Amino acid sequence: MNTKKLGKFGEKHAESYLNSTDFHILKTNYHCKYGEIDIIAIDRSTPQQQLVFIEVKTRSTVAFGQPLEAITRTKMQRLRKTALTFLNFTIKKIPKRWRIDVIGIQLNSDYKFQKLIHLKNI
């Protein structure tokens, strides 16, 4: 499986996970000149609903590190700029509180789901 397909596969697992919890997905694969955010959702589990920008990292092997280790300082800066661009150009009523989360998905060698880790407010 190539990396693009692997990423999409992981994003679908992340969407299923979020839909089974208190998240409402607003948009997937938001692009701007600074980068891309995989999932934008509302976290309804908090007393005041919160907008969440979610980066999904999927790995089929840990030979090059765990999925969450792929979030570098540079990647985090791009995520922040992309999130701020979304906030500046979105005219919908959205919660004023927001955060960035990361979901790491580990697959086994047969590309079967093995583990999901959700880190909030990275």
PDB file of N, CA and C in Angstrom:
ATOM      1  N   MET A   1       0.865  -1.175   0.000  1.00  0.00           N
ATOM      2  CA  MET A   1       0.000   0.000   0.000  1.00  0.00           C
ATOM      3  C   MET A   1       0.909   1.235   0.000  1.00  0.00           C
ATOM      4  N   ASN A   2       0.664   2.163  -0.921  1.00  0.00           N
ATOM      5  CA  ASN A   2       1.495   3.363  -0.956  1.00  0.00           C
ATOM      6  C   ASN A   2       1.114   4.311   0.185  1.00  0.00           C
ATOM      7  N   THR A   3       1.943   5.332   0.420  1.00  0.00           N
ATOM      8  CA  THR A   3       1.748   6.204   1.580  1.00  0.00           C
ATOM      9  C   THR A   3       0.452   7.013   1.498  1.00  0.00           C
ATOM     10  N   LYS A   4       0.044   7.404   0.308  1.00  0.00           N
ATOM     11  CA  LYS A   4      -1.208   8.163   0.163  1.00  0.00           C
ATOM     12  C   LYS A   4      -2.411   7.300   0.559  1.00  0.00           C
ATOM     13  N   LYS A   5      -2.438   6.064   0.067  1.00  0.00           N
ATOM     14  CA  LYS A   5      -3.529   5.149   0.422  1.00  0.00           C
ATOM     15  C   LYS A   5      -3.497   4.823   1.911  1.00  0.00           C
ATOM     16  N   LEU A   6      -2.293   4.649   2.451  1.00  0.00           N
ATOM     17  CA  LEU A   6      -2.143   4.361   3.880  1.00  0.00           C
ATOM     18  C   LEU A   6      -2.699   5.510   4.709  1.00  0.00           C
ATOM     19  N   GLY A   7      -2.400   6.744   4.301  1.00  0.00           N
ATOM     20  CA  GLY A   7      -2.911   7.921   5.002  1.00  0.00           C
ATOM     21  C   GLY A   7      -4.426   8.001   4.967  1.00  0.00           C
ATOM     22  N   LYS A   8      -5.010   7.779   3.801  1.00  0.00           N
ATOM     23  CA  LYS A   8      -6.479   7.806   3.662  1.00  0.00           C
ATOM     24  C   LYS A   8      -7.130   6.699   4.492  1.00  0.00           C
ATOM     25  N   PHE A   9      -6.496   5.537   4.507  1.00  0.00           N
ATOM     26  CA  PHE A   9      -6.983   4.405   5.295  1.00  0.00           C
ATOM     27  C   PHE A   9      -7.012   4.786   6.783  1.00  0.00           C
ATOM     28  N   GLY A  10      -5.934   5.409   7.252  1.00  0.00           N
ATOM     29  CA  GLY A  10      -5.866   5.846   8.640  1.00  0.00           C
ATOM     30  C   GLY A  10      -6.880   6.930   8.958  1.00  0.00           C
ATOM     31  N   GLU A  11      -7.070   7.863   8.038  1.00  0.00           N
ATOM     32  CA  GLU A  11      -8.047   8.928   8.257  1.00  0.00           C
ATOM     33  C   GLU A  11      -9.454   8.364   8.385  1.00  0.00           C
ATOM     34  N   LYS A  12      -9.778   7.337   7.620  1.00  0.00           N
ATOM     35  CA  LYS A  12     -11.106   6.716   7.721  1.00  0.00           C
ATOM     36  C   LYS A  12     -11.288   6.061   9.095  1.00  0.00           C
ATOM     37  N   HIS A  13     -10.232   5.410   9.609  1.00  0.00           N
ATOM     38  CA  HIS A  13     -10.298   4.841  10.965  1.00  0.00           C
ATOM     39  C   HIS A  13     -10.491   5.944  12.001  1.00  0.00           C
ATOM     40  N   ALA A  14      -9.776   7.046  11.829  1.00  0.00           N
ATOM     41  CA  ALA A  14      -9.890   8.167  12.761  1.00  0.00           C
ATOM     42  C   ALA A  14     -11.296   8.758  12.721  1.00  0.00           C
ATOM     43  N   GLU A  15     -11.871   8.902  11.533  1.00  0.00           N
ATOM     44  CA  GLU A  15     -13.236   9.422  11.404  1.00  0.00           C
ATOM     45  C   GLU A  15     -14.234   8.508  12.106  1.00  0.00           C
ATOM     46  N   SER A  16     -14.084   7.200  11.931  1.00  0.00           N
ATOM     47  CA  SER A  16     -14.980   6.246  12.596  1.00  0.00           C
ATOM     48  C   SER A  16     -14.877   6.380  14.114  1.00  0.00           C
ATOM     49  N   TYR A  17     -13.649   6.476  14.591  1.00  0.00           N
ATOM     50  CA  TYR A  17     -13.424   6.653  16.035  1.00  0.00           C
ATOM     51  C   TYR A  17     -14.086   7.940  16.537  1.00  0.00           C
ATOM     52  N   LEU A  18     -13.868   9.050  15.835  1.00  0.00           N
ATOM     53  CA  LEU A  18     -14.428  10.336  16.265  1.00  0.00           C
ATOM     54  C   LEU A  18     -15.954  10.313  16.232  1.00  0.00           C
ATOM     55  N   ASN A  19     -16.530   9.691  15.196  1.00  0.00           N
ATOM     56  CA  ASN A  19     -17.987   9.602  15.099  1.00  0.00           C
ATOM     57  C   ASN A  19     -18.593   8.761  16.218  1.00  0.00           C
ATOM     58  N   SER A  20     -17.805   7.844  16.789  1.00  0.00           N
ATOM     59  CA  SER A  20     -18.310   7.006  17.877  1.00  0.00           C
ATOM     60  C   SER A  20     -18.179   7.692  19.237  1.00  0.00           C
ATOM     61  N   THR A  21     -17.546   8.860  19.261  1.00  0.00           N
ATOM     62  CA  THR A  21     -17.401   9.619  20.502  1.00  0.00           C
ATOM     63  C   THR A  21     -18.222  10.899  20.379  1.00  0.00           C
ATOM     64  N   ASP A  22     -17.889  11.905  21.159  1.00  0.00           N
ATOM     65  CA  ASP A  22     -18.662  13.150  21.161  1.00  0.00           C
ATOM     66  C   ASP A  22     -18.144  14.185  20.166  1.00  0.00           C
ATOM     67  N   PHE A  23     -17.643  13.748  19.044  1.00  0.00           N
ATOM     68  CA  PHE A  23     -17.139  14.662  18.027  1.00  0.00           C
ATOM     69  C   PHE A  23     -18.116  14.742  16.866  1.00  0.00           C
ATOM     70  N   HIS A  24     -18.235  15.928  16.310  1.00  0.00           N
ATOM     71  CA  HIS A  24     -19.018  16.148  15.094  1.00  0.00           C
ATOM     72  C   HIS A  24     -18.056  16.669  14.032  1.00  0.00           C
ATOM     73  N   ILE A  25     -17.849  15.899  12.981  1.00  0.00           N
ATOM     74  CA  ILE A  25     -16.890  16.269  11.943  1.00  0.00           C
ATOM     75  C   ILE A  25     -17.492  17.330  11.027  1.00  0.00           C
ATOM     76  N   LEU A  26     -16.767  18.439  10.887  1.00  0.00           N
ATOM     77  CA  LEU A  26     -17.200  19.529  10.025  1.00  0.00           C
ATOM     78  C   LEU A  26     -16.591  19.437   8.627  1.00  0.00           C
ATOM     79  N   LYS A  27     -15.302  19.088   8.575  1.00  0.00           N
ATOM     80  CA  LYS A  27     -14.595  19.106   7.290  1.00  0.00           C
ATOM     81  C   LYS A  27     -13.420  18.143   7.361  1.00  0.00           C
ATOM     82  N   THR A  28     -13.111  17.542   6.219  1.00  0.00           N
ATOM     83  CA  THR A  28     -11.921  16.699   6.119  1.00  0.00           C
ATOM     84  C   THR A  28     -11.034  17.260   5.010  1.00  0.00           C
ATOM     85  N   ASN A  29      -9.737  17.061   5.186  1.00  0.00           N
ATOM     86  CA  ASN A  29      -8.731  17.471   4.198  1.00  0.00           C
ATOM     87  C   ASN A  29      -8.846  18.941   3.799  1.00  0.00           C
ATOM     88  N   TYR A  30      -8.830  19.816   4.796  1.00  0.00           N
ATOM     89  CA  TYR A  30      -8.842  21.262   4.546  1.00  0.00           C
ATOM     90  C   TYR A  30      -7.452  21.695   4.081  1.00  0.00           C
ATOM     91  N   HIS A  31      -7.395  22.388   2.942  1.00  0.00           N
ATOM     92  CA  HIS A  31      -6.132  22.851   2.364  1.00  0.00           C
ATOM     93  C   HIS A  31      -6.086  24.373   2.314  1.00  0.00           C
ATOM     94  N   CYS A  32      -4.920  24.932   2.546  1.00  0.00           N
ATOM     95  CA  CYS A  32      -4.647  26.332   2.287  1.00  0.00           C
ATOM     96  C   CYS A  32      -3.172  26.437   1.914  1.00  0.00           C
ATOM     97  N   LYS A  33      -2.671  27.642   1.725  1.00  0.00           N
ATOM     98  CA  LYS A  33      -1.283  27.779   1.267  1.00  0.00           C
ATOM     99  C   LYS A  33      -0.263  27.307   2.300  1.00  0.00           C
ATOM    100  N   TYR A  34      -0.659  27.196   3.557  1.00  0.00           N
ATOM    101  CA  TYR A  34       0.274  26.770   4.602  1.00  0.00           C
ATOM    102  C   TYR A  34       0.331  25.257   4.787  1.00  0.00           C
ATOM    103  N   GLY A  35      -0.705  24.567   4.343  1.00  0.00           N
ATOM    104  CA  GLY A  35      -0.710  23.124   4.514  1.00  0.00           C
ATOM    105  C   GLY A  35      -2.104  22.538   4.514  1.00  0.00           C
ATOM    106  N   GLU A  36      -2.226  21.381   5.156  1.00  0.00           N
ATOM    107  CA  GLU A  36      -3.491  20.652   5.191  1.00  0.00           C
ATOM    108  C   GLU A  36      -3.773  20.204   6.620  1.00  0.00           C
ATOM    109  N   ILE A  37      -5.044  20.203   6.956  1.00  0.00           N
ATOM    110  CA  ILE A  37      -5.497  19.615   8.213  1.00  0.00           C
ATOM    111  C   ILE A  37      -6.417  18.471   7.837  1.00  0.00           C
ATOM    112  N   ASP A  38      -6.143  17.302   8.419  1.00  0.00           N
ATOM    113  CA  ASP A  38      -6.879  16.095   8.035  1.00  0.00           C
ATOM    114  C   ASP A  38      -8.353  16.161   8.413  1.00  0.00           C
ATOM    115  N   ILE A  39      -8.636  16.565   9.658  1.00  0.00           N
ATOM    116  CA  ILE A  39     -10.031  16.582  10.128  1.00  0.00           C
ATOM    117  C   ILE A  39     -10.255  17.828  10.976  1.00  0.00           C
ATOM    118  N   ILE A  40     -11.363  18.500  10.733  1.00  0.00           N
ATOM    119  CA  ILE A  40     -11.802  19.608  11.579  1.00  0.00           C
ATOM    120  C   ILE A  40     -13.140  19.188  12.164  1.00  0.00           C
ATOM    121  N   ALA A  41     -13.241  19.233  13.496  1.00  0.00           N
ATOM    122  CA  ALA A  41     -14.439  18.721  14.167  1.00  0.00           C
ATOM    123  C   ALA A  41     -14.786  19.587  15.375  1.00  0.00           C
ATOM    124  N   ILE A  42     -15.981  19.372  15.888  1.00  0.00           N
ATOM    125  CA  ILE A  42     -16.428  20.004  17.129  1.00  0.00           C
ATOM    126  C   ILE A  42     -16.415  18.928  18.208  1.00  0.00           C
ATOM    127  N   ASP A  43     -15.755  19.224  19.331  1.00  0.00           N
ATOM    128  CA  ASP A  43     -15.761  18.323  20.488  1.00  0.00           C
ATOM    129  C   ASP A  43     -16.915  18.746  21.375  1.00  0.00           C
ATOM    130  N   ARG A  44     -17.948  17.925  21.417  1.00  0.00           N
ATOM    131  CA  ARG A  44     -19.145  18.259  22.192  1.00  0.00           C
ATOM    132  C   ARG A  44     -19.073  17.722  23.614  1.00  0.00           C
ATOM    133  N   SER A  45     -17.959  17.100  23.996  1.00  0.00           N
ATOM    134  CA  SER A  45     -17.850  16.526  25.343  1.00  0.00           C
ATOM    135  C   SER A  45     -17.465  17.562  26.383  1.00  0.00           C
ATOM    136  N   THR A  46     -16.964  18.714  25.951  1.00  0.00           N
ATOM    137  CA  THR A  46     -16.565  19.754  26.886  1.00  0.00           C
ATOM    138  C   THR A  46     -17.770  20.630  27.210  1.00  0.00           C
ATOM    139  N   PRO A  47     -17.782  21.268  28.390  1.00  0.00           N
ATOM    140  CA  PRO A  47     -18.927  22.126  28.744  1.00  0.00           C
ATOM    141  C   PRO A  47     -19.196  23.193  27.685  1.00  0.00           C
ATOM    142  N   GLN A  48     -18.134  23.826  27.196  1.00  0.00           N
ATOM    143  CA  GLN A  48     -18.278  24.742  26.074  1.00  0.00           C
ATOM    144  C   GLN A  48     -17.695  24.027  24.868  1.00  0.00           C
ATOM    145  N   GLN A  49     -18.502  23.832  23.851  1.00  0.00           N
ATOM    146  CA  GLN A  49     -18.022  23.091  22.676  1.00  0.00           C
ATOM    147  C   GLN A  49     -16.739  23.721  22.152  1.00  0.00           C
ATOM    148  N   GLN A  50     -15.859  22.864  21.670  1.00  0.00           N
ATOM    149  CA  GLN A  50     -14.546  23.326  21.235  1.00  0.00           C
ATOM    150  C   GLN A  50     -14.267  22.853  19.812  1.00  0.00           C
ATOM    151  N   LEU A  51     -13.722  23.743  18.992  1.00  0.00           N
ATOM    152  CA  LEU A  51     -13.308  23.394  17.643  1.00  0.00           C
ATOM    153  C   LEU A  51     -11.969  22.683  17.734  1.00  0.00           C
ATOM    154  N   VAL A  52     -11.832  21.566  17.009  1.00  0.00           N
ATOM    155  CA  VAL A  52     -10.618  20.756  17.090  1.00  0.00           C
ATOM    156  C   VAL A  52     -10.066  20.516  15.688  1.00  0.00           C
ATOM    157  N   PHE A  53      -8.788  20.839  15.523  1.00  0.00           N
ATOM    158  CA  PHE A  53      -8.061  20.559  14.296  1.00  0.00           C
ATOM    159  C   PHE A  53      -7.257  19.293  14.561  1.00  0.00           C
ATOM    160  N   ILE A  54      -7.467  18.266  13.741  1.00  0.00           N
ATOM    161  CA  ILE A  54      -6.895  16.943  14.024  1.00  0.00           C
ATOM    162  C   ILE A  54      -5.968  16.498  12.902  1.00  0.00           C
ATOM    163  N   GLU A  55      -4.747  16.178  13.291  1.00  0.00           N
ATOM    164  CA  GLU A  55      -3.764  15.602  12.376  1.00  0.00           C
ATOM    165  C   GLU A  55      -3.748  14.101  12.618  1.00  0.00           C
ATOM    166  N   VAL A  56      -3.814  13.315  11.543  1.00  0.00           N
ATOM    167  CA  VAL A  56      -3.813  11.858  11.652  1.00  0.00           C
ATOM    168  C   VAL A  56      -2.502  11.327  11.071  1.00  0.00           C
ATOM    169  N   LYS A  57      -1.820  10.508  11.851  1.00  0.00           N
ATOM    170  CA  LYS A  57      -0.584   9.871  11.398  1.00  0.00           C
ATOM    171  C   LYS A  57      -0.781   8.370  11.463  1.00  0.00           C
ATOM    172  N   THR A  58      -0.527   7.683  10.347  1.00  0.00           N
ATOM    173  CA  THR A  58      -0.738   6.242  10.254  1.00  0.00           C
ATOM    174  C   THR A  58       0.574   5.564   9.894  1.00  0.00           C
ATOM    175  N   ARG A  59       0.850   4.453  10.561  1.00  0.00           N
ATOM    176  CA  ARG A  59       2.053   3.678  10.278  1.00  0.00           C
ATOM    177  C   ARG A  59       1.703   2.196  10.192  1.00  0.00           C
ATOM    178  N   SER A  60       2.329   1.523   9.241  1.00  0.00           N
ATOM    179  CA  SER A  60       2.149   0.075   9.126  1.00  0.00           C
ATOM    180  C   SER A  60       3.345  -0.656   9.716  1.00  0.00           C
ATOM    181  N   THR A  61       4.377   0.095  10.090  1.00  0.00           N
ATOM    182  CA  THR A  61       5.553  -0.464  10.747  1.00  0.00           C
ATOM    183  C   THR A  61       6.147   0.612  11.652  1.00  0.00           C
ATOM    184  N   VAL A  62       6.821   0.193  12.694  1.00  0.00           N
ATOM    185  CA  VAL A  62       7.463   1.166  13.578  1.00  0.00           C
ATOM    186  C   VAL A  62       8.958   1.273  13.272  1.00  0.00           C
ATOM    187  N   ALA A  63       9.371   0.743  12.128  1.00  0.00           N
ATOM    188  CA  ALA A  63      10.782   0.790  11.739  1.00  0.00           C
ATOM    189  C   ALA A  63      11.308   2.226  11.659  1.00  0.00           C
ATOM    190  N   PHE A  64      10.450   3.155  11.294  1.00  0.00           N
ATOM    191  CA  PHE A  64      10.852   4.559  11.191  1.00  0.00           C
ATOM    192  C   PHE A  64      10.251   5.397  12.311  1.00  0.00           C
ATOM    193  N   GLY A  65       9.784   4.757  13.375  1.00  0.00           N
ATOM    194  CA  GLY A  65       9.234   5.466  14.525  1.00  0.00           C
ATOM    195  C   GLY A  65       7.736   5.281  14.664  1.00  0.00           C
ATOM    196  N   GLN A  66       7.253   5.646  15.826  1.00  0.00           N
ATOM    197  CA  GLN A  66       5.824   5.589  16.129  1.00  0.00           C
ATOM    198  C   GLN A  66       5.086   6.691  15.350  1.00  0.00           C
ATOM    199  N   PRO A  67       3.794   6.522  15.108  1.00  0.00           N
ATOM    200  CA  PRO A  67       3.048   7.532  14.348  1.00  0.00           C
ATOM    201  C   PRO A  67       3.141   8.938  14.952  1.00  0.00           C
ATOM    202  N   LEU A  68       3.050   9.042  16.264  1.00  0.00           N
ATOM    203  CA  LEU A  68       3.033  10.357  16.897  1.00  0.00           C
ATOM    204  C   LEU A  68       4.388  11.047  16.846  1.00  0.00           C
ATOM    205  N   GLU A  69       5.452  10.299  16.622  1.00  0.00           N
ATOM    206  CA  GLU A  69       6.781  10.896  16.525  1.00  0.00           C
ATOM    207  C   GLU A  69       6.960  11.701  15.247  1.00  0.00           C
ATOM    208  N   ALA A  70       6.037  11.594  14.329  1.00  0.00           N
ATOM    209  CA  ALA A  70       6.121  12.315  13.057  1.00  0.00           C
ATOM    210  C   ALA A  70       5.688  13.778  13.186  1.00  0.00           C
ATOM    211  N   ILE A  71       5.201  14.183  14.342  1.00  0.00           N
ATOM    212  CA  ILE A  71       4.800  15.577  14.555  1.00  0.00           C
ATOM    213  C   ILE A  71       6.033  16.356  15.015  1.00  0.00           C
ATOM    214  N   THR A  72       6.668  17.015  14.069  1.00  0.00           N
ATOM    215  CA  THR A  72       7.874  17.794  14.351  1.00  0.00           C
ATOM    216  C   THR A  72       7.494  19.238  14.678  1.00  0.00           C
ATOM    217  N   ARG A  73       8.457  20.015  15.089  1.00  0.00           N
ATOM    218  CA  ARG A  73       8.213  21.439  15.363  1.00  0.00           C
ATOM    219  C   ARG A  73       7.718  22.141  14.099  1.00  0.00           C
ATOM    220  N   THR A  74       8.331  21.832  12.964  1.00  0.00           N
ATOM    221  CA  THR A  74       7.923  22.437  11.691  1.00  0.00           C
ATOM    222  C   THR A  74       6.494  22.053  11.342  1.00  0.00           C
ATOM    223  N   LYS A  75       6.140  20.781  11.519  1.00  0.00           N
ATOM    224  CA  LYS A  75       4.773  20.323  11.238  1.00  0.00           C
ATOM    225  C   LYS A  75       3.791  21.041  12.151  1.00  0.00           C
ATOM    226  N   MET A  76       4.147  21.202  13.421  1.00  0.00           N
ATOM    227  CA  MET A  76       3.268  21.881  14.379  1.00  0.00           C
ATOM    228  C   MET A  76       3.054  23.342  13.975  1.00  0.00           C
ATOM    229  N   GLN A  77       4.095  24.016  13.515  1.00  0.00           N
ATOM    230  CA  GLN A  77       3.960  25.402  13.066  1.00  0.00           C
ATOM    231  C   GLN A  77       3.030  25.505  11.856  1.00  0.00           C
ATOM    232  N   ARG A  78       3.164  24.555  10.923  1.00  0.00           N
ATOM    233  CA  ARG A  78       2.271  24.548   9.744  1.00  0.00           C
ATOM    234  C   ARG A  78       0.822  24.288  10.159  1.00  0.00           C
ATOM    235  N   LEU A  79       0.628  23.380  11.118  1.00  0.00           N
ATOM    236  CA  LEU A  79      -0.734  23.105  11.604  1.00  0.00           C
ATOM    237  C   LEU A  79      -1.351  24.357  12.210  1.00  0.00           C
ATOM    238  N   ARG A  80      -0.583  25.077  13.035  1.00  0.00           N
ATOM    239  CA  ARG A  80      -1.086  26.309  13.653  1.00  0.00           C
ATOM    240  C   ARG A  80      -1.467  27.350  12.594  1.00  0.00           C
ATOM    241  N   LYS A  81      -0.583  27.561  11.617  1.00  0.00           N
ATOM    242  CA  LYS A  81      -0.871  28.546  10.566  1.00  0.00           C
ATOM    243  C   LYS A  81      -2.104  28.144   9.765  1.00  0.00           C
ATOM    244  N   THR A  82      -2.232  26.866   9.469  1.00  0.00           N
ATOM    245  CA  THR A  82      -3.384  26.382   8.710  1.00  0.00           C
ATOM    246  C   THR A  82      -4.667  26.551   9.524  1.00  0.00           C
ATOM    247  N   ALA A  83      -4.611  26.246  10.819  1.00  0.00           N
ATOM    248  CA  ALA A  83      -5.778  26.411  11.694  1.00  0.00           C
ATOM    249  C   ALA A  83      -6.188  27.881  11.767  1.00  0.00           C
ATOM    250  N   LEU A  84      -5.218  28.770  11.925  1.00  0.00           N
ATOM    251  CA  LEU A  84      -5.529  30.199  11.994  1.00  0.00           C
ATOM    252  C   LEU A  84      -6.109  30.710  10.678  1.00  0.00           C
ATOM    253  N   THR A  85      -5.630  30.180   9.564  1.00  0.00           N
ATOM    254  CA  THR A  85      -6.197  30.555   8.267  1.00  0.00           C
ATOM    255  C   THR A  85      -7.652  30.118   8.180  1.00  0.00           C
ATOM    256  N   PHE A  86      -7.939  28.908   8.614  1.00  0.00           N
ATOM    257  CA  PHE A  86      -9.330  28.425   8.624  1.00  0.00           C
ATOM    258  C   PHE A  86     -10.195  29.354   9.483  1.00  0.00           C
ATOM    259  N   LEU A  87      -9.703  29.691  10.677  1.00  0.00           N
ATOM    260  CA  LEU A  87     -10.471  30.550  11.581  1.00  0.00           C
ATOM    261  C   LEU A  87     -10.702  31.939  10.985  1.00  0.00           C
ATOM    262  N   ASN A  88      -9.702  32.482  10.314  1.00  0.00           N
ATOM    263  CA  ASN A  88      -9.813  33.827   9.738  1.00  0.00           C
ATOM    264  C   ASN A  88     -10.747  33.899   8.543  1.00  0.00           C
ATOM    265  N   PHE A  89     -10.881  32.809   7.798  1.00  0.00           N
ATOM    266  CA  PHE A  89     -11.662  32.852   6.567  1.00  0.00           C
ATOM    267  C   PHE A  89     -12.978  32.077   6.643  1.00  0.00           C
ATOM    268  N   THR A  90     -13.324  31.588   7.820  1.00  0.00           N
ATOM    269  CA  THR A  90     -14.578  30.876   7.976  1.00  0.00           C
ATOM    270  C   THR A  90     -15.613  31.831   8.543  1.00  0.00           C
ATOM    271  N   ILE A  91     -16.729  31.956   7.866  1.00  0.00           N
ATOM    272  CA  ILE A  91     -17.760  32.882   8.308  1.00  0.00           C
ATOM    273  C   ILE A  91     -18.874  32.182   9.077  1.00  0.00           C
ATOM    274  N   LYS A  92     -18.778  30.857   9.180  1.00  0.00           N
ATOM    275  CA  LYS A  92     -19.787  30.111   9.928  1.00  0.00           C
ATOM    276  C   LYS A  92     -19.636  30.422  11.415  1.00  0.00           C
ATOM    277  N   LYS A  93     -20.717  30.188  12.138  1.00  0.00           N
ATOM    278  CA  LYS A  93     -20.621  30.303  13.590  1.00  0.00           C
ATOM    279  C   LYS A  93     -19.905  29.067  14.109  1.00  0.00           C
ATOM    280  N   ILE A  94     -18.740  29.294  14.648  1.00  0.00           N
ATOM    281  CA  ILE A  94     -17.956  28.195  15.195  1.00  0.00           C
ATOM    282  C   ILE A  94     -17.549  28.559  16.617  1.00  0.00           C
ATOM    283  N   PRO A  95     -17.285  27.563  17.452  1.00  0.00           N
ATOM    284  CA  PRO A  95     -16.856  27.861  18.817  1.00  0.00           C
ATOM    285  C   PRO A  95     -15.577  28.699  18.818  1.00  0.00           C
ATOM    286  N   LYS A  96     -15.483  29.614  19.787  1.00  0.00           N
ATOM    287  CA  LYS A  96     -14.310  30.480  19.879  1.00  0.00           C
ATOM    288  C   LYS A  96     -13.106  29.727  20.444  1.00  0.00           C
ATOM    289  N   ARG A  97     -13.363  28.708  21.231  1.00  0.00           N
ATOM    290  CA  ARG A  97     -12.272  27.914  21.793  1.00  0.00           C
ATOM    291  C   ARG A  97     -11.843  26.873  20.770  1.00  0.00           C
ATOM    292  N   TRP A  98     -10.532  26.675  20.636  1.00  0.00           N
ATOM    293  CA  TRP A  98     -10.045  25.682  19.689  1.00  0.00           C
ATOM    294  C   TRP A  98      -8.756  25.073  20.198  1.00  0.00           C
ATOM    295  N   ARG A  99      -8.416  23.922  19.605  1.00  0.00           N
ATOM    296  CA  ARG A  99      -7.192  23.216  19.976  1.00  0.00           C
ATOM    297  C   ARG A  99      -6.749  22.353  18.798  1.00  0.00           C
ATOM    298  N   ILE A 100      -5.536  21.827  18.911  1.00  0.00           N
ATOM    299  CA  ILE A 100      -5.002  20.904  17.901  1.00  0.00           C
ATOM    300  C   ILE A 100      -4.761  19.566  18.581  1.00  0.00           C
ATOM    301  N   ASP A 101      -5.297  18.511  17.991  1.00  0.00           N
ATOM    302  CA  ASP A 101      -5.112  17.136  18.469  1.00  0.00           C
ATOM    303  C   ASP A 101      -4.347  16.345  17.419  1.00  0.00           C
ATOM    304  N   VAL A 102      -3.813  15.219  17.842  1.00  0.00           N
ATOM    305  CA  VAL A 102      -3.202  14.289  16.894  1.00  0.00           C
ATOM    306  C   VAL A 102      -3.711  12.884  17.210  1.00  0.00           C
ATOM    307  N   ILE A 103      -4.010  12.146  16.153  1.00  0.00           N
ATOM    308  CA  ILE A 103      -4.412  10.750  16.291  1.00  0.00           C
ATOM    309  C   ILE A 103      -3.362   9.907  15.580  1.00  0.00           C
ATOM    310  N   GLY A 104      -2.771   8.988  16.329  1.00  0.00           N
ATOM    311  CA  GLY A 104      -1.800   8.055  15.762  1.00  0.00           C
ATOM    312  C   GLY A 104      -2.448   6.695  15.589  1.00  0.00           C
ATOM    313  N   ILE A 105      -2.306   6.131  14.402  1.00  0.00           N
ATOM    314  CA  ILE A 105      -2.898   4.830  14.112  1.00  0.00           C
ATOM    315  C   ILE A 105      -1.796   3.865  13.705  1.00  0.00           C
ATOM    316  N   GLN A 106      -1.756   2.742  14.391  1.00  0.00           N
ATOM    317  CA  GLN A 106      -0.773   1.699  14.097  1.00  0.00           C
ATOM    318  C   GLN A 106      -1.503   0.513  13.476  1.00  0.00           C
ATOM    319  N   LEU A 107      -1.015   0.081  12.317  1.00  0.00           N
ATOM    320  CA  LEU A 107      -1.556  -1.098  11.639  1.00  0.00           C
ATOM    321  C   LEU A 107      -0.534  -2.220  11.768  1.00  0.00           C
ATOM    322  N   ASN A 108      -0.993  -3.452  11.632  1.00  0.00           N
ATOM    323  CA  ASN A 108      -0.032  -4.563  11.642  1.00  0.00           C
ATOM    324  C   ASN A 108       0.494  -4.782  10.225  1.00  0.00           C
ATOM    325  N   SER A 109       1.320  -5.776  10.050  1.00  0.00           N
ATOM    326  CA  SER A 109       1.952  -6.012   8.743  1.00  0.00           C
ATOM    327  C   SER A 109       0.947  -6.391   7.645  1.00  0.00           C
ATOM    328  N   ASP A 110      -0.253  -6.835   8.043  1.00  0.00           N
ATOM    329  CA  ASP A 110      -1.310  -7.156   7.079  1.00  0.00           C
ATOM    330  C   ASP A 110      -2.258  -5.975   6.861  1.00  0.00           C
ATOM    331  N   TYR A 111      -1.862  -4.802   7.336  1.00  0.00           N
ATOM    332  CA  TYR A 111      -2.656  -3.579   7.225  1.00  0.00           C
ATOM    333  C   TYR A 111      -3.997  -3.681   7.944  1.00  0.00           C
ATOM    334  N   LYS A 112      -4.028  -4.428   9.012  1.00  0.00           N
ATOM    335  CA  LYS A 112      -5.213  -4.519   9.865  1.00  0.00           C
ATOM    336  C   LYS A 112      -5.008  -3.578  11.046  1.00  0.00           C
ATOM    337  N   PHE A 113      -6.096  -2.941  11.492  1.00  0.00           N
ATOM    338  CA  PHE A 113      -6.037  -2.000  12.603  1.00  0.00           C
ATOM    339  C   PHE A 113      -5.465  -2.676  13.843  1.00  0.00           C
ATOM    340  N   GLN A 114      -4.520  -2.012  14.483  1.00  0.00           N
ATOM    341  CA  GLN A 114      -3.899  -2.554  15.677  1.00  0.00           C
ATOM    342  C   GLN A 114      -4.115  -1.651  16.892  1.00  0.00           C
ATOM    343  N   LYS A 115      -3.854  -0.331  16.729  1.00  0.00           N
ATOM    344  CA  LYS A 115      -3.924   0.560  17.887  1.00  0.00           C
ATOM    345  C   LYS A 115      -4.201   1.987  17.433  1.00  0.00           C
ATOM    346  N   LEU A 116      -4.965   2.725  18.265  1.00  0.00           N
ATOM    347  CA  LEU A 116      -5.236   4.135  18.021  1.00  0.00           C
ATOM    348  C   LEU A 116      -4.911   4.901  19.297  1.00  0.00           C
ATOM    349  N   ILE A 117      -4.166   5.974  19.155  1.00  0.00           N
ATOM    350  CA  ILE A 117      -3.857   6.855  20.285  1.00  0.00           C
ATOM    351  C   ILE A 117      -4.313   8.261  19.916  1.00  0.00           C
ATOM    352  N   HIS A 118      -5.087   8.882  20.812  1.00  0.00           N
ATOM    353  CA  HIS A 118      -5.603  10.228  20.575  1.00  0.00           C
ATOM    354  C   HIS A 118      -5.017  11.158  21.640  1.00  0.00           C
ATOM    355  N   LEU A 119      -4.140  12.068  21.211  1.00  0.00           N
ATOM    356  CA  LEU A 119      -3.570  13.060  22.117  1.00  0.00           C
ATOM    357  C   LEU A 119      -4.294  14.384  21.887  1.00  0.00           C
ATOM    358  N   LYS A 120      -4.809  14.941  22.967  1.00  0.00           N
ATOM    359  CA  LYS A 120      -5.568  16.189  22.859  1.00  0.00           C
ATOM    360  C   LYS A 120      -4.701  17.385  23.233  1.00  0.00           C
ATOM    361  N   ASN A 121      -4.964  18.485  22.543  1.00  0.00           N
ATOM    362  CA  ASN A 121      -4.346  19.765  22.842  1.00  0.00           C
ATOM    363  C   ASN A 121      -2.816  19.702  22.817  1.00  0.00           C
ATOM    364  N   ILE A 122      -2.283  19.230  21.693  1.00  0.00           N
ATOM    365  CA  ILE A 122      -0.835  19.124  21.607  1.00  0.00           C
ATOM    366  C   ILE A 122      -0.214  20.491  21.436  1.00  0.00           C
TER     367      ILE A 122
END
